[in-house]
PDB file of N, CA and C in Angstrom:
ATOM      1  N   UNK A   1     -13.253 -78.538  37.830  1.00  0.00           N
ATOM      2  CA  UNK A   1     -12.323 -78.431  36.728  1.00  0.00           C
ATOM      3  C   UNK A   1     -11.126 -79.354  36.947  1.00  0.00           C
ATOM      4  N   UNK A   2     -10.627 -79.354  38.185  1.00  0.00           N
ATOM      5  CA  UNK A   2      -9.468 -80.197  38.483  1.00  0.00           C
ATOM      6  C   UNK A   2      -9.803 -81.661  38.244  1.00  0.00           C
ATOM      7  N   UNK A   3     -10.956 -82.077  38.710  1.00  0.00           N
ATOM      8  CA  UNK A   3     -11.359 -83.471  38.534  1.00  0.00           C
ATOM      9  C   UNK A   3     -11.472 -83.802  37.052  1.00  0.00           C
ATOM     10  N   UNK A   4     -12.079 -82.904  36.302  1.00  0.00           N
ATOM     11  CA  UNK A   4     -12.260 -83.130  34.866  1.00  0.00           C
ATOM     12  C   UNK A   4     -10.908 -83.212  34.142  1.00  0.00           C
ATOM     13  N   UNK A   5      -9.935 -82.409  34.585  1.00  0.00           N
ATOM     14  CA  UNK A   5      -8.612 -82.392  33.962  1.00  0.00           C
ATOM     15  C   UNK A   5      -7.677 -83.457  34.538  1.00  0.00           C
ATOM     16  N   UNK A   6      -8.123 -84.111  35.616  1.00  0.00           N
ATOM     17  CA  UNK A   6      -7.295 -85.142  36.234  1.00  0.00           C
ATOM     18  C   UNK A   6      -6.109 -84.569  37.000  1.00  0.00           C
ATOM     19  N   UNK A   7      -6.310 -83.405  37.619  1.00  0.00           N
ATOM     20  CA  UNK A   7      -5.241 -82.776  38.390  1.00  0.00           C
ATOM     21  C   UNK A   7      -5.771 -82.371  39.765  1.00  0.00           C
ATOM     22  N   UNK A   8      -4.894 -81.790  40.568  1.00  0.00           N
ATOM     23  CA  UNK A   8      -5.323 -81.339  41.895  1.00  0.00           C
ATOM     24  C   UNK A   8      -5.883 -79.921  41.788  1.00  0.00           C
ATOM     25  N   UNK A   9      -6.569 -79.506  42.829  1.00  0.00           N
ATOM     26  CA  UNK A   9      -7.113 -78.153  42.868  1.00  0.00           C
ATOM     27  C   UNK A   9      -5.981 -77.129  42.805  1.00  0.00           C
ATOM     28  N   UNK A  10      -4.906 -77.365  43.544  1.00  0.00           N
ATOM     29  CA  UNK A  10      -3.763 -76.450  43.536  1.00  0.00           C
ATOM     30  C   UNK A  10      -3.147 -76.312  42.166  1.00  0.00           C
ATOM     31  N   UNK A  11      -2.995 -77.440  41.459  1.00  0.00           N
ATOM     32  CA  UNK A  11      -2.446 -77.395  40.102  1.00  0.00           C
ATOM     33  C   UNK A  11      -3.362 -76.598  39.173  1.00  0.00           C
ATOM     34  N   UNK A  12      -4.665 -76.777  39.343  1.00  0.00           N
ATOM     35  CA  UNK A  12      -5.622 -76.066  38.492  1.00  0.00           C
ATOM     36  C   UNK A  12      -5.584 -74.569  38.777  1.00  0.00           C
ATOM     37  N   UNK A  13      -5.503 -74.191  40.044  1.00  0.00           N
ATOM     38  CA  UNK A  13      -5.420 -72.767  40.397  1.00  0.00           C
ATOM     39  C   UNK A  13      -4.150 -72.154  39.802  1.00  0.00           C
ATOM     40  N   UNK A  14      -3.036 -72.863  39.896  1.00  0.00           N
ATOM     41  CA  UNK A  14      -1.782 -72.372  39.324  1.00  0.00           C
ATOM     42  C   UNK A  14      -1.891 -72.204  37.811  1.00  0.00           C
ATOM     43  N   UNK A  15      -2.493 -73.167  37.146  1.00  0.00           N
ATOM     44  CA  UNK A  15      -2.668 -73.103  35.697  1.00  0.00           C
ATOM     45  C   UNK A  15      -3.518 -71.903  35.310  1.00  0.00           C
ATOM     46  N   UNK A  16      -4.631 -71.711  36.009  1.00  0.00           N
ATOM     47  CA  UNK A  16      -5.522 -70.589  35.692  1.00  0.00           C
ATOM     48  C   UNK A  16      -4.845 -69.250  35.966  1.00  0.00           C
ATOM     49  N   UNK A  17      -4.077 -69.173  37.055  1.00  0.00           N
ATOM     50  CA  UNK A  17      -3.356 -67.935  37.369  1.00  0.00           C
ATOM     51  C   UNK A  17      -2.346 -67.618  36.274  1.00  0.00           C
ATOM     52  N   UNK A  18      -1.600 -68.628  35.816  1.00  0.00           N
ATOM     53  CA  UNK A  18      -0.624 -68.411  34.742  1.00  0.00           C
ATOM     54  C   UNK A  18      -1.320 -67.945  33.460  1.00  0.00           C
ATOM     55  N   UNK A  19      -2.435 -68.546  33.136  1.00  0.00           N
ATOM     56  CA  UNK A  19      -3.174 -68.139  31.930  1.00  0.00           C
ATOM     57  C   UNK A  19      -3.619 -66.687  32.038  1.00  0.00           C
ATOM     58  N   UNK A  20      -4.103 -66.306  33.223  1.00  0.00           N
ATOM     59  CA  UNK A  20      -4.559 -64.928  33.432  1.00  0.00           C
ATOM     60  C   UNK A  20      -3.437 -63.925  33.312  1.00  0.00           C
ATOM     61  N   UNK A  21      -2.232 -64.307  33.740  1.00  0.00           N
ATOM     62  CA  UNK A  21      -1.093 -63.401  33.647  1.00  0.00           C
ATOM     63  C   UNK A  21      -0.595 -63.268  32.221  1.00  0.00           C
ATOM     64  N   UNK A  22      -0.689 -64.343  31.451  1.00  0.00           N
ATOM     65  CA  UNK A  22      -0.216 -64.322  30.073  1.00  0.00           C
ATOM     66  C   UNK A  22      -1.220 -63.623  29.159  1.00  0.00           C
ATOM     67  N   UNK A  23      -2.500 -63.897  29.357  1.00  0.00           N
ATOM     68  CA  UNK A  23      -3.563 -63.342  28.513  1.00  0.00           C
ATOM     69  C   UNK A  23      -4.650 -62.707  29.373  1.00  0.00           C
ATOM     70  N   UNK A  24      -4.369 -61.560  30.003  1.00  0.00           N
ATOM     71  CA  UNK A  24      -5.382 -60.963  30.865  1.00  0.00           C
ATOM     72  C   UNK A  24      -6.612 -60.525  30.080  1.00  0.00           C
ATOM     73  N   UNK A  25      -7.774 -60.619  30.700  1.00  0.00           N
ATOM     74  CA  UNK A  25      -9.019 -60.160  30.083  1.00  0.00           C
ATOM     75  C   UNK A  25      -9.082 -58.654  30.271  1.00  0.00           C
ATOM     76  N   UNK A  26      -9.382 -57.944  29.197  1.00  0.00           N
ATOM     77  CA  UNK A  26      -9.451 -56.498  29.257  1.00  0.00           C
ATOM     78  C   UNK A  26     -10.902 -56.075  29.193  1.00  0.00           C
ATOM     79  N   UNK A  27     -11.213 -54.891  29.735  1.00  0.00           N
ATOM     80  CA  UNK A  27     -12.585 -54.400  29.699  1.00  0.00           C
ATOM     81  C   UNK A  27     -13.109 -54.419  28.277  1.00  0.00           C
ATOM     82  N   UNK A  28     -14.345 -54.690  28.156  1.00  0.00           N
ATOM     83  CA  UNK A  28     -14.973 -54.762  26.838  1.00  0.00           C
ATOM     84  C   UNK A  28     -15.981 -55.892  26.867  1.00  0.00           C
ATOM     85  N   UNK A  29     -16.165 -56.517  25.753  1.00  0.00           N
ATOM     86  CA  UNK A  29     -17.078 -57.644  25.665  1.00  0.00           C
ATOM     87  C   UNK A  29     -16.565 -58.784  26.527  1.00  0.00           C
ATOM     88  N   UNK A  30     -17.470 -59.524  27.114  1.00  0.00           N
ATOM     89  CA  UNK A  30     -17.098 -60.639  27.967  1.00  0.00           C
ATOM     90  C   UNK A  30     -16.118 -61.556  27.241  1.00  0.00           C
ATOM     91  N   UNK A  31     -15.044 -61.904  27.950  1.00  0.00           N
ATOM     92  CA  UNK A  31     -14.003 -62.796  27.438  1.00  0.00           C
ATOM     93  C   UNK A  31     -13.260 -62.241  26.230  1.00  0.00           C
ATOM     94  N   UNK A  32     -13.312 -60.931  26.019  1.00  0.00           N
ATOM     95  CA  UNK A  32     -12.553 -60.325  24.935  1.00  0.00           C
ATOM     96  C   UNK A  32     -11.107 -60.206  25.371  1.00  0.00           C
ATOM     97  N   UNK A  33     -10.211 -60.599  24.517  1.00  0.00           N
ATOM     98  CA  UNK A  33      -8.789 -60.476  24.817  1.00  0.00           C
ATOM     99  C   UNK A  33      -8.177 -59.515  23.808  1.00  0.00           C
ATOM    100  N   UNK A  34      -7.456 -58.535  24.323  1.00  0.00           N
ATOM    101  CA  UNK A  34      -6.791 -57.573  23.467  1.00  0.00           C
ATOM    102  C   UNK A  34      -5.295 -57.701  23.670  1.00  0.00           C
ATOM    103  N   UNK A  35      -4.551 -57.232  22.705  1.00  0.00           N
ATOM    104  CA  UNK A  35      -3.101 -57.233  22.818  1.00  0.00           C
ATOM    105  C   UNK A  35      -2.688 -56.212  23.868  1.00  0.00           C
ATOM    106  N   UNK A  36      -1.936 -56.648  24.865  1.00  0.00           N
ATOM    107  CA  UNK A  36      -1.490 -55.770  25.933  1.00  0.00           C
ATOM    108  C   UNK A  36       0.016 -55.619  25.834  1.00  0.00           C
ATOM    109  N   UNK A  37       0.479 -54.383  25.839  1.00  0.00           N
ATOM    110  CA  UNK A  37       1.910 -54.118  25.772  1.00  0.00           C
ATOM    111  C   UNK A  37       2.494 -54.344  27.161  1.00  0.00           C
ATOM    112  N   UNK A  38       3.549 -55.159  27.215  1.00  0.00           N
ATOM    113  CA  UNK A  38       4.197 -55.473  28.485  1.00  0.00           C
ATOM    114  C   UNK A  38       5.627 -54.956  28.447  1.00  0.00           C
ATOM    115  N   UNK A  39       6.124 -54.522  29.600  1.00  0.00           N
ATOM    116  CA  UNK A  39       7.530 -54.143  29.729  1.00  0.00           C
ATOM    117  C   UNK A  39       8.018 -54.699  31.061  1.00  0.00           C
ATOM    118  N   UNK A  40       9.010 -55.567  31.005  1.00  0.00           N
ATOM    119  CA  UNK A  40       9.541 -56.167  32.226  1.00  0.00           C
ATOM    120  C   UNK A  40       8.510 -57.004  32.956  1.00  0.00           C
ATOM    121  N   UNK A  41       7.559 -57.582  32.220  1.00  0.00           N
ATOM    122  CA  UNK A  41       6.529 -58.414  32.832  1.00  0.00           C
ATOM    123  C   UNK A  41       5.377 -57.629  33.429  1.00  0.00           C
ATOM    124  N   UNK A  42       5.353 -56.305  33.213  1.00  0.00           N
ATOM    125  CA  UNK A  42       4.303 -55.451  33.775  1.00  0.00           C
ATOM    126  C   UNK A  42       3.497 -54.854  32.620  1.00  0.00           C
ATOM    127  N   UNK A  43       2.153 -54.957  32.679  1.00  0.00           N
ATOM    128  CA  UNK A  43       1.351 -54.364  31.604  1.00  0.00           C
ATOM    129  C   UNK A  43       1.424 -52.838  31.663  1.00  0.00           C
ATOM    130  N   UNK A  44       1.589 -52.210  30.503  1.00  0.00           N
ATOM    131  CA  UNK A  44       1.656 -50.754  30.431  1.00  0.00           C
ATOM    132  C   UNK A  44       0.266 -50.182  30.184  1.00  0.00           C
ATOM    133  N   UNK A  45       0.001 -49.043  30.779  1.00  0.00           N
ATOM    134  CA  UNK A  45      -1.264 -48.350  30.556  1.00  0.00           C
ATOM    135  C   UNK A  45      -1.201 -47.620  29.222  1.00  0.00           C
ATOM    136  N   UNK A  46      -2.347 -47.462  28.595  1.00  0.00           N
ATOM    137  CA  UNK A  46      -2.412 -46.731  27.335  1.00  0.00           C
ATOM    138  C   UNK A  46      -2.087 -45.263  27.596  1.00  0.00           C
ATOM    139  N   UNK A  47      -1.425 -44.630  26.636  1.00  0.00           N
ATOM    140  CA  UNK A  47      -1.067 -43.224  26.765  1.00  0.00           C
ATOM    141  C   UNK A  47      -2.319 -42.361  26.723  1.00  0.00           C
ATOM    142  N   UNK A  48      -2.341 -41.337  27.600  1.00  0.00           N
ATOM    143  CA  UNK A  48      -3.432 -40.364  27.574  1.00  0.00           C
ATOM    144  C   UNK A  48      -2.944 -39.053  26.995  1.00  0.00           C
ATOM    145  N   UNK A  49      -1.754 -39.074  26.395  1.00  0.00           N
ATOM    146  CA  UNK A  49      -1.240 -37.894  25.738  1.00  0.00           C
ATOM    147  C   UNK A  49      -0.675 -36.844  26.674  1.00  0.00           C
ATOM    148  N   UNK A  50      -0.388 -37.215  27.904  1.00  0.00           N
ATOM    149  CA  UNK A  50       0.191 -36.246  28.828  1.00  0.00           C
ATOM    150  C   UNK A  50       1.438 -36.831  29.473  1.00  0.00           C
ATOM    151  N   UNK A  51       2.362 -35.965  29.813  1.00  0.00           N
ATOM    152  CA  UNK A  51       3.603 -36.375  30.431  1.00  0.00           C
ATOM    153  C   UNK A  51       3.437 -36.330  31.944  1.00  0.00           C
ATOM    154  N   UNK A  52       3.747 -37.427  32.612  1.00  0.00           N
ATOM    155  CA  UNK A  52       3.661 -37.481  34.068  1.00  0.00           C
ATOM    156  C   UNK A  52       5.022 -37.096  34.621  1.00  0.00           C
ATOM    157  N   UNK A  53       5.037 -36.037  35.416  1.00  0.00           N
ATOM    158  CA  UNK A  53       6.285 -35.549  35.982  1.00  0.00           C
ATOM    159  C   UNK A  53       6.361 -35.907  37.461  1.00  0.00           C
ATOM    160  N   UNK A  54       7.539 -35.701  38.033  1.00  0.00           N
ATOM    161  CA  UNK A  54       7.720 -35.924  39.465  1.00  0.00           C
ATOM    162  C   UNK A  54       6.767 -35.036  40.258  1.00  0.00           C
ATOM    163  N   UNK A  55       6.535 -33.822  39.786  1.00  0.00           N
ATOM    164  CA  UNK A  55       5.613 -32.904  40.462  1.00  0.00           C
ATOM    165  C   UNK A  55       4.198 -33.491  40.509  1.00  0.00           C
ATOM    166  N   UNK A  56       3.748 -34.098  39.391  1.00  0.00           N
ATOM    167  CA  UNK A  56       2.430 -34.748  39.371  1.00  0.00           C
ATOM    168  C   UNK A  56       2.361 -35.840  40.437  1.00  0.00           C
ATOM    169  N   UNK A  57       3.388 -36.667  40.474  1.00  0.00           N
ATOM    170  CA  UNK A  57       3.416 -37.780  41.420  1.00  0.00           C
ATOM    171  C   UNK A  57       3.410 -37.256  42.855  1.00  0.00           C
ATOM    172  N   UNK A  58       4.222 -36.237  43.142  1.00  0.00           N
ATOM    173  CA  UNK A  58       4.277 -35.676  44.494  1.00  0.00           C
ATOM    174  C   UNK A  58       2.940 -35.069  44.896  1.00  0.00           C
ATOM    175  N   UNK A  59       2.263 -34.376  43.964  1.00  0.00           N
ATOM    176  CA  UNK A  59       0.937 -33.812  44.264  1.00  0.00           C
ATOM    177  C   UNK A  59      -0.061 -34.913  44.592  1.00  0.00           C
ATOM    178  N   UNK A  60      -0.052 -35.993  43.819  1.00  0.00           N
ATOM    179  CA  UNK A  60      -0.958 -37.112  44.089  1.00  0.00           C
ATOM    180  C   UNK A  60      -0.643 -37.759  45.443  1.00  0.00           C
ATOM    181  N   UNK A  61       0.644 -37.899  45.743  1.00  0.00           N
ATOM    182  CA  UNK A  61       1.028 -38.485  47.029  1.00  0.00           C
ATOM    183  C   UNK A  61       0.570 -37.607  48.178  1.00  0.00           C
ATOM    184  N   UNK A  62       0.682 -36.277  48.018  1.00  0.00           N
ATOM    185  CA  UNK A  62       0.207 -35.341  49.051  1.00  0.00           C
ATOM    186  C   UNK A  62      -1.303 -35.472  49.241  1.00  0.00           C
ATOM    187  N   UNK A  63      -2.044 -35.572  48.119  1.00  0.00           N
ATOM    188  CA  UNK A  63      -3.502 -35.711  48.186  1.00  0.00           C
ATOM    189  C   UNK A  63      -3.906 -36.993  48.902  1.00  0.00           C
ATOM    190  N   UNK A  64      -3.149 -38.074  48.676  1.00  0.00           N
ATOM    191  CA  UNK A  64      -3.466 -39.367  49.280  1.00  0.00           C
ATOM    192  C   UNK A  64      -2.878 -39.526  50.670  1.00  0.00           C
ATOM    193  N   UNK A  65      -2.051 -38.571  51.098  1.00  0.00           N
ATOM    194  CA  UNK A  65      -1.434 -38.659  52.416  1.00  0.00           C
ATOM    195  C   UNK A  65      -0.342 -39.702  52.501  1.00  0.00           C
ATOM    196  N   UNK A  66       0.336 -39.882  51.422  1.00  0.00           N
ATOM    197  CA  UNK A  66       1.419 -40.899  51.382  1.00  0.00           C
ATOM    198  C   UNK A  66       2.748 -40.226  51.615  1.00  0.00           C
TER     199      UNK A  66
END
């Protein structure tokens, strides 16, 4: 790809990484791109209709031994 584009391998890797961060591929049909809600540069997960409390987080941390 780099040779075809007339750039270095490092430049091509950087370009592809930037594209992936801007337009990440989401599960579904191959190469399907969906609108992803971002906040502060971080993709947000879809709501599952439940409120996550500190107690939930602490229970999960206890289960994982964190």
